[in-house]
Amino acid sequence: MTRLNKVLEIMARESVESVVIKDVTTIRYLTGFSGDSSLLYLDAGKGVLITDGRYTEQARAEMKHFQVLEYTGSIWAAAAQLAKEAKVVGFDGANYSYTDYVDLKSFLAEGISLKSLDFSGIRMIKDKKELDLLLKVASIADEAFMKLLGEIKPGRTERSLAGRLEYYMRALGSEKVSFDTIVASGVRSALPHGMASDKVVALGDFITFDFGAVYRGYHSDMTRTVVLGQASERQKEIYNTVLESQLKGMKSACVGMTGRELDAIVRDVIAGHGMGDYFVHGLGHGVGLEVHELPMINKRGNTKLETGMIFTIEPGVYIPGEGGVRIEDTVVLTEEGAIALNGVEKQLIEII
């Protein structure tokens, strides 16, 4: 019940007697329920998943410590009935629409107030079960990418390469992709989020692959950039700048520093090579049940990093009209530093 205690601690701190949680990811983290269109009611004495007939049996099979309430009228009325003894009811406001708020409020008795709470930080530190799942899903992505390498050749389109990569991840056990697979080649590699297109890859192209698998709800996220053919000296210069900065980030990450501090260390390496203006995004983000979650590893990342946090280190250089490189690992932070979950080599791969 350690995960539930994190919510109870927030409730006690905010003087809230019960909460009605809507976010499907938070609900899955707390209960194990993998469906959607449901609410989780919690107070000091009980936890109840409010759902409809589509998910009743699934919820009972997936959850051990929570009741299941099948509603037939309004889901908000069911939640309000459970909360009828409270004076203050908490809710995860960032996940509510205005209509959701109004509906819940309308069913609560007069005198009961609502208070928005933030539960986004409760998943930052992963337990051993989560780490094992994240290692598993990272290995799926690793193996899929290694299978793809032999198929990268002139004449293939970015979209076809993305499709093959996604096929291999699925064949190896992925439930779906973490996000739309990025394959960006040639001058398009200067697009940080260059979705796979019908462009044909050609000799001399940088090709950036940013992709992820999902296993039992947990996501992977990795980026590798290769050269189709023999790399030019300029390509080696750009690649080695990014590699140096990424390795510096891996070496520098430590318990007690902030995401902002780690971002600055890596950014300084790229700036030292005269390419600082071409690093246009944050260094990284947390990864878990969502592919982008806390902690933030960027200029706004004020959270102190702790053992058990899992996040990406993904510097990049993107030069318009020329091309770009990104190298990304998902890492777990330990007392000894950052350890990559994925294992594909980071030295420049030239596909001859």
Protein backbone atom coordinates (compact mmCIF):
# COMPACT_ATOMS: atom_id res chain seq x y z
CA MET A 1 0.00 0.00 0.00
CA THR A 2 3.04 2.30 -0.23
CA ARG A 3 1.71 3.98 -3.38
CA LEU A 4 -1.63 4.71 -1.74
CA ASN A 5 0.14 6.23 1.26
CA LYS A 6 1.59 8.90 -1.05
CA VAL A 7 -1.94 10.06 -1.82
CA LEU A 8 -3.04 9.86 1.80
CA GLU A 9 -0.08 12.03 2.80
CA ILE A 10 -1.11 14.69 0.27
CA MET A 11 -4.69 14.52 1.52
CA ALA A 12 -3.57 15.00 5.14
CA ARG A 13 -1.29 17.89 4.22
CA GLU A 14 -4.07 19.62 2.29
CA SER A 15 -6.77 18.88 4.90
CA VAL A 16 -8.86 16.90 2.44
CA GLU A 17 -11.00 14.02 3.70
CA SER A 18 -11.65 12.27 0.39
CA VAL A 19 -10.59 12.50 -3.24
CA VAL A 20 -12.11 11.70 -6.62
CA ILE A 21 -9.35 10.92 -9.12
CA LYS A 22 -10.03 10.93 -12.86
CA ASP A 23 -6.57 10.52 -14.46
CA VAL A 24 -6.34 7.01 -15.91
CA THR A 25 -2.58 6.81 -15.37
CA THR A 26 -2.81 7.75 -11.69
CA ILE A 27 -5.61 5.24 -11.26
CA ARG A 28 -3.53 2.50 -12.90
CA TYR A 29 -0.52 3.34 -10.72
CA LEU A 30 -2.56 3.15 -7.53
CA THR A 31 -4.80 0.18 -8.31
CA GLY A 32 -3.50 -1.83 -11.27
CA PHE A 33 -6.70 -1.19 -13.26
CA SER A 34 -5.79 -0.68 -16.92
CA GLY A 35 -9.14 0.49 -18.27
CA ASP A 36 -10.47 4.00 -18.72
CA SER A 37 -13.71 6.00 -18.33
CA SER A 38 -13.68 5.44 -14.56
CA LEU A 39 -13.12 7.33 -11.31
CA LEU A 40 -11.22 6.34 -8.18
CA TYR A 41 -12.69 7.40 -4.84
CA LEU A 42 -10.38 7.36 -1.82
CA ASP A 43 -10.71 8.26 1.83
CA ALA A 44 -8.91 7.12 4.96
CA GLY A 45 -11.02 3.96 5.19
CA LYS A 46 -11.67 2.73 1.67
CA GLY A 47 -10.88 2.88 -2.00
CA VAL A 48 -13.58 2.40 -4.62
CA LEU A 49 -13.27 2.24 -8.39
CA ILE A 50 -16.40 3.64 -10.00
CA THR A 51 -16.89 2.16 -13.46
CA ASP A 52 -19.52 0.86 -15.85
CA GLY A 53 -20.46 -2.58 -17.11
CA ARG A 54 -17.72 -2.63 -19.76
CA TYR A 55 -15.00 -2.77 -17.12
CA THR A 56 -16.56 -4.34 -14.02
CA GLU A 57 -15.11 -7.83 -14.45
CA GLN A 58 -11.76 -6.50 -15.69
CA ALA A 59 -11.46 -4.25 -12.64
CA ARG A 60 -12.23 -7.08 -10.23
CA ALA A 61 -9.60 -9.24 -11.91
CA GLU A 62 -6.89 -6.55 -11.95
CA MET A 63 -7.37 -5.05 -8.47
CA LYS A 64 -6.83 -6.68 -5.07
CA HIS A 65 -7.37 -3.99 -2.45
CA PHE A 66 -10.15 -1.86 -3.91
CA GLN A 67 -13.91 -2.18 -4.17
CA VAL A 68 -15.65 -1.98 -7.54
CA LEU A 69 -18.83 0.05 -7.88
CA GLU A 70 -20.76 -0.30 -11.13
CA TYR A 71 -22.78 2.84 -11.73
CA THR A 72 -25.85 3.03 -13.96
CA GLY A 73 -26.81 6.70 -13.85
CA SER A 74 -24.25 9.47 -13.52
CA ILE A 75 -20.68 8.59 -12.58
CA TRP A 76 -20.46 11.94 -10.78
CA ALA A 77 -23.56 11.18 -8.73
CA ALA A 78 -21.97 7.89 -7.65
CA ALA A 79 -18.79 9.70 -6.60
CA ALA A 80 -20.73 12.37 -4.73
CA GLN A 81 -22.69 9.73 -2.82
CA LEU A 82 -19.46 8.15 -1.60
CA ALA A 83 -18.16 11.57 -0.53
CA LYS A 84 -21.33 12.68 1.25
CA GLU A 85 -19.71 12.71 4.73
CA ALA A 86 -16.75 14.86 3.70
CA LYS A 87 -16.40 18.60 4.19
CA VAL A 88 -13.64 19.01 1.59
CA VAL A 89 -13.31 16.73 -1.45
CA GLY A 90 -10.07 16.71 -3.41
CA PHE A 91 -9.81 16.16 -7.14
CA ASP A 92 -6.97 16.05 -9.66
CA GLY A 93 -7.92 19.32 -11.30
CA ALA A 94 -5.39 19.18 -14.13
CA ASN A 95 -7.30 16.19 -15.51
CA TYR A 96 -10.82 17.56 -15.10
CA SER A 97 -12.68 19.55 -17.71
CA TYR A 98 -14.78 22.47 -16.53
CA THR A 99 -17.86 20.35 -17.26
CA ASP A 100 -16.51 17.53 -15.06
CA TYR A 101 -16.01 19.98 -12.21
CA VAL A 102 -19.50 21.43 -12.57
CA ASP A 103 -21.07 17.99 -12.74
CA LEU A 104 -19.34 16.73 -9.60
CA LYS A 105 -20.08 19.96 -7.74
CA SER A 106 -23.77 19.77 -8.69
CA PHE A 107 -24.18 16.38 -7.00
CA LEU A 108 -22.34 17.25 -3.78
CA ALA A 109 -24.39 18.39 -0.82
CA GLU A 110 -24.43 22.07 -0.02
CA GLY A 111 -21.47 23.01 2.17
CA ILE A 112 -19.07 20.45 0.69
CA SER A 113 -16.22 22.23 -1.09
CA LEU A 114 -13.87 21.00 -3.80
CA LYS A 115 -10.09 21.43 -3.72
CA SER A 116 -7.77 20.80 -6.66
CA LEU A 117 -4.74 18.63 -5.82
CA ASP A 118 -1.63 17.70 -7.79
CA PHE A 119 -0.74 14.00 -7.80
CA SER A 120 1.69 14.21 -10.72
CA GLY A 121 4.75 13.77 -8.51
CA ILE A 122 3.81 10.52 -6.81
CA ARG A 123 5.23 8.40 -9.64
CA MET A 124 8.67 10.03 -9.84
CA ILE A 125 10.50 7.42 -7.75
CA LYS A 126 10.12 3.94 -9.18
CA ASP A 127 10.02 0.75 -7.11
CA LYS A 128 11.75 -2.49 -8.06
CA LYS A 129 8.71 -3.87 -9.88
CA GLU A 130 8.56 -0.77 -12.03
CA LEU A 131 12.30 -0.84 -12.72
CA ASP A 132 12.06 -4.46 -13.87
CA LEU A 133 9.25 -3.57 -16.27
CA LEU A 134 11.18 -0.58 -17.61
CA LEU A 135 14.25 -2.73 -18.18
CA LYS A 136 12.09 -5.26 -20.04
CA VAL A 137 10.49 -2.68 -22.31
CA ALA A 138 13.86 -1.05 -23.00
CA SER A 139 15.23 -4.44 -24.08
CA ILE A 140 12.32 -4.85 -26.52
CA ALA A 141 13.17 -1.53 -28.18
CA ASP A 142 16.89 -2.38 -28.23
CA GLU A 143 16.35 -5.69 -29.97
CA ALA A 144 13.90 -4.22 -32.47
CA PHE A 145 16.38 -1.51 -33.47
CA MET A 146 19.19 -3.99 -33.93
CA LYS A 147 16.94 -6.04 -36.23
CA LEU A 148 16.14 -2.93 -38.24
CA LEU A 149 19.76 -1.93 -38.87
CA GLY A 150 20.19 -4.58 -41.53
CA GLU A 151 17.22 -3.22 -43.46
CA ILE A 152 18.34 0.41 -43.71
CA LYS A 153 19.40 0.97 -47.30
CA PRO A 154 19.03 3.57 -50.07
CA GLY A 155 15.56 3.61 -51.59
CA ARG A 156 13.63 2.87 -48.40
CA THR A 157 11.25 5.54 -47.19
CA GLU A 158 11.27 6.90 -43.69
CA ARG A 159 7.73 5.65 -43.25
CA SER A 160 8.62 2.11 -44.29
CA LEU A 161 11.53 2.04 -41.85
CA ALA A 162 9.27 3.29 -39.07
CA GLY A 163 6.77 0.57 -39.93
CA ARG A 164 9.38 -2.15 -39.76
CA LEU A 165 10.70 -0.86 -36.44
CA GLU A 166 7.19 -0.84 -35.01
CA TYR A 167 6.57 -4.34 -36.38
CA TYR A 168 9.65 -5.69 -34.65
CA MET A 169 8.69 -4.08 -31.34
CA ARG A 170 5.23 -5.62 -31.59
CA ALA A 171 6.65 -9.01 -32.51
CA LEU A 172 8.91 -8.86 -29.47
CA GLY A 173 6.05 -8.19 -27.07
CA SER A 174 5.23 -4.48 -27.20
CA GLU A 175 1.57 -3.62 -26.62
CA LYS A 176 1.80 -0.53 -28.82
CA VAL A 177 4.26 2.27 -29.56
CA SER A 178 5.05 4.86 -26.90
CA PHE A 179 4.48 7.69 -29.38
CA ASP A 180 4.46 8.27 -33.13
CA THR A 181 7.81 6.93 -34.30
CA ILE A 182 10.24 9.61 -35.46
CA VAL A 183 12.35 8.79 -38.51
CA ALA A 184 13.96 11.91 -39.99
CA SER A 185 16.68 11.74 -42.65
CA GLY A 186 18.91 14.14 -44.55
CA VAL A 187 17.95 17.78 -44.00
CA ARG A 188 14.80 16.55 -42.23
CA SER A 189 17.01 15.25 -39.40
CA ALA A 190 17.21 18.92 -38.34
CA LEU A 191 13.56 18.61 -37.26
CA PRO A 192 13.57 17.54 -33.58
CA HIS A 193 10.15 15.92 -34.01
CA GLY A 194 10.32 14.95 -37.66
CA MET A 195 7.58 12.37 -38.02
CA ALA A 196 8.32 9.62 -40.54
CA SER A 197 7.46 10.78 -44.06
CA ASP A 198 7.53 9.46 -47.60
CA LYS A 199 11.05 10.84 -48.09
CA VAL A 200 13.44 8.25 -49.51
CA VAL A 201 16.64 7.80 -47.52
CA ALA A 202 19.84 8.33 -49.52
CA LEU A 203 23.57 7.80 -49.19
CA GLY A 204 25.11 10.49 -47.04
CA ASP A 205 21.98 11.05 -44.93
CA PHE A 206 21.87 11.36 -41.20
CA ILE A 207 18.88 9.27 -40.11
CA THR A 208 17.46 9.90 -36.64
CA PHE A 209 15.26 7.23 -35.03
CA ASP A 210 13.31 8.22 -31.90
CA PHE A 211 11.00 5.43 -30.77
CA GLY A 212 9.58 3.48 -27.87
CA ALA A 213 7.72 0.33 -26.91
CA VAL A 214 5.11 -0.28 -24.22
CA TYR A 215 5.06 -3.34 -21.96
CA ARG A 216 2.43 -3.84 -19.24
CA GLY A 217 1.76 -0.12 -19.38
CA TYR A 218 5.38 1.01 -19.05
CA HIS A 219 7.11 2.97 -21.81
CA SER A 220 10.57 3.08 -23.29
CA ASP A 221 12.16 6.04 -25.07
CA MET A 222 15.42 5.96 -27.02
CA THR A 223 16.99 7.90 -29.88
CA ARG A 224 19.85 6.88 -32.12
CA THR A 225 21.20 8.69 -35.19
CA VAL A 226 23.05 6.79 -37.91
CA VAL A 227 24.66 7.73 -41.22
CA LEU A 228 23.69 5.89 -44.38
CA GLY A 229 27.05 5.36 -46.02
CA GLN A 230 30.33 6.87 -44.89
CA ALA A 231 30.10 9.90 -42.63
CA SER A 232 31.67 13.17 -43.72
CA GLU A 233 34.04 15.04 -41.43
CA ARG A 234 31.28 17.59 -40.76
CA GLN A 235 28.85 14.84 -39.80
CA LYS A 236 31.44 13.36 -37.46
CA GLU A 237 31.96 16.78 -35.90
CA ILE A 238 28.25 17.24 -35.21
CA TYR A 239 27.77 13.68 -34.01
CA ASN A 240 30.78 13.71 -31.70
CA THR A 241 29.66 17.01 -30.17
CA VAL A 242 26.31 15.50 -29.26
CA LEU A 243 27.92 12.27 -28.07
CA GLU A 244 30.36 14.13 -25.85
CA SER A 245 27.54 16.12 -24.30
CA GLN A 246 25.37 13.05 -23.77
CA LEU A 247 28.21 11.15 -22.08
CA LYS A 248 28.88 14.22 -19.92
CA GLY A 249 25.24 14.16 -18.84
CA MET A 250 25.44 10.47 -18.01
CA LYS A 251 28.57 11.02 -15.94
CA SER A 252 27.34 14.18 -14.19
CA ALA A 253 23.85 13.09 -13.13
CA CYS A 254 23.80 12.59 -9.36
CA VAL A 255 21.49 12.55 -6.39
CA GLY A 256 20.75 16.01 -5.03
CA MET A 257 21.23 18.04 -8.19
CA THR A 258 18.26 19.53 -10.02
CA GLY A 259 17.13 18.81 -13.54
CA ARG A 260 17.96 22.41 -14.39
CA GLU A 261 21.54 21.96 -13.23
CA LEU A 262 22.01 18.80 -15.29
CA ASP A 263 20.54 20.50 -18.34
CA ALA A 264 23.01 23.37 -17.95
CA ILE A 265 26.02 21.07 -17.70
CA VAL A 266 25.16 19.34 -20.98
CA ARG A 267 24.18 22.57 -22.71
CA ASP A 268 27.57 24.07 -21.86
CA VAL A 269 29.37 21.24 -23.68
CA ILE A 270 27.44 21.89 -26.89
CA ALA A 271 27.91 25.65 -26.56
CA GLY A 272 31.65 25.08 -26.15
CA HIS A 273 31.70 23.61 -29.64
CA GLY A 274 29.89 26.64 -31.07
CA MET A 275 26.60 24.79 -31.55
CA GLY A 276 24.66 26.05 -28.55
CA ASP A 277 22.05 27.83 -30.67
CA TYR A 278 21.14 24.52 -32.28
CA PHE A 279 20.20 22.71 -29.05
CA VAL A 280 16.58 23.82 -28.97
CA HIS A 281 14.82 21.62 -26.43
CA GLY A 282 15.19 20.46 -22.85
CA LEU A 283 17.63 17.73 -21.91
CA GLY A 284 15.09 15.16 -20.78
CA HIS A 285 11.97 14.03 -18.93
CA GLY A 286 10.73 11.30 -16.67
CA VAL A 287 9.55 8.00 -18.16
CA GLY A 288 7.20 5.41 -16.72
CA LEU A 289 3.50 4.75 -17.17
CA GLU A 290 3.64 7.81 -19.41
CA VAL A 291 6.43 8.50 -21.86
CA HIS A 292 6.63 12.10 -20.63
CA GLU A 293 6.26 12.57 -16.90
CA LEU A 294 8.13 14.10 -13.96
CA PRO A 295 10.87 14.93 -13.19
CA MET A 296 11.62 17.64 -15.75
CA ILE A 297 15.25 17.71 -16.88
CA ASN A 298 15.30 21.15 -18.44
CA LYS A 299 15.63 24.84 -17.61
CA ARG A 300 12.45 24.66 -15.51
CA GLY A 301 13.43 21.49 -13.65
CA ASN A 302 13.71 22.56 -10.00
CA THR A 303 13.08 19.14 -8.45
CA LYS A 304 16.10 17.61 -6.72
CA LEU A 305 16.93 14.28 -8.30
CA GLU A 306 16.62 11.21 -6.09
CA THR A 307 17.61 7.57 -6.20
CA GLY A 308 15.06 5.58 -8.18
CA MET A 309 14.07 8.35 -10.54
CA ILE A 310 14.01 7.34 -14.20
CA PHE A 311 14.45 9.94 -16.91
CA THR A 312 15.96 10.58 -20.31
CA ILE A 313 19.23 12.30 -21.23
CA GLU A 314 18.75 13.37 -24.84
CA PRO A 315 20.82 16.30 -26.14
CA GLY A 316 20.59 17.21 -29.80
CA VAL A 317 21.99 19.56 -32.42
CA TYR A 318 19.71 20.57 -35.30
CA ILE A 319 21.15 22.74 -38.07
CA PRO A 320 18.50 23.91 -40.59
CA GLY A 321 19.31 22.98 -44.16
CA GLU A 322 22.10 20.67 -43.05
CA GLY A 323 20.85 18.02 -40.66
CA GLY A 324 20.80 17.03 -37.04
CA VAL A 325 21.73 14.47 -34.41
CA ARG A 326 20.05 13.36 -31.19
CA ILE A 327 21.30 10.66 -28.84
CA GLU A 328 18.94 9.57 -26.08
CA ASP A 329 19.15 7.07 -23.25
CA THR A 330 16.59 6.39 -20.54
CA VAL A 331 18.47 6.11 -17.25
CA VAL A 332 17.83 5.13 -13.66
CA LEU A 333 19.51 7.28 -11.04
CA THR A 334 21.39 5.38 -8.33
CA GLU A 335 23.72 6.45 -5.53
CA GLU A 336 26.57 5.70 -7.96
CA GLY A 337 25.07 7.81 -10.75
CA ALA A 338 23.00 7.29 -13.89
CA ILE A 339 22.76 3.84 -15.47
CA ALA A 340 21.24 3.43 -18.94
CA LEU A 341 18.32 1.02 -19.26
CA ASN A 342 18.85 0.63 -23.00
CA GLY A 343 22.01 -0.92 -24.41
CA VAL A 344 22.38 0.00 -28.09
CA GLU A 345 25.83 1.44 -28.71
CA LYS A 346 26.24 5.20 -29.02
CA GLN A 347 29.34 5.38 -31.18
CA LEU A 348 28.48 6.58 -34.68
CA ILE A 349 27.03 3.79 -36.81
CA GLU A 350 27.86 4.07 -40.49
CA ILE A 351 25.66 1.79 -42.58
CA ILE A 352 27.84 0.76 -45.50
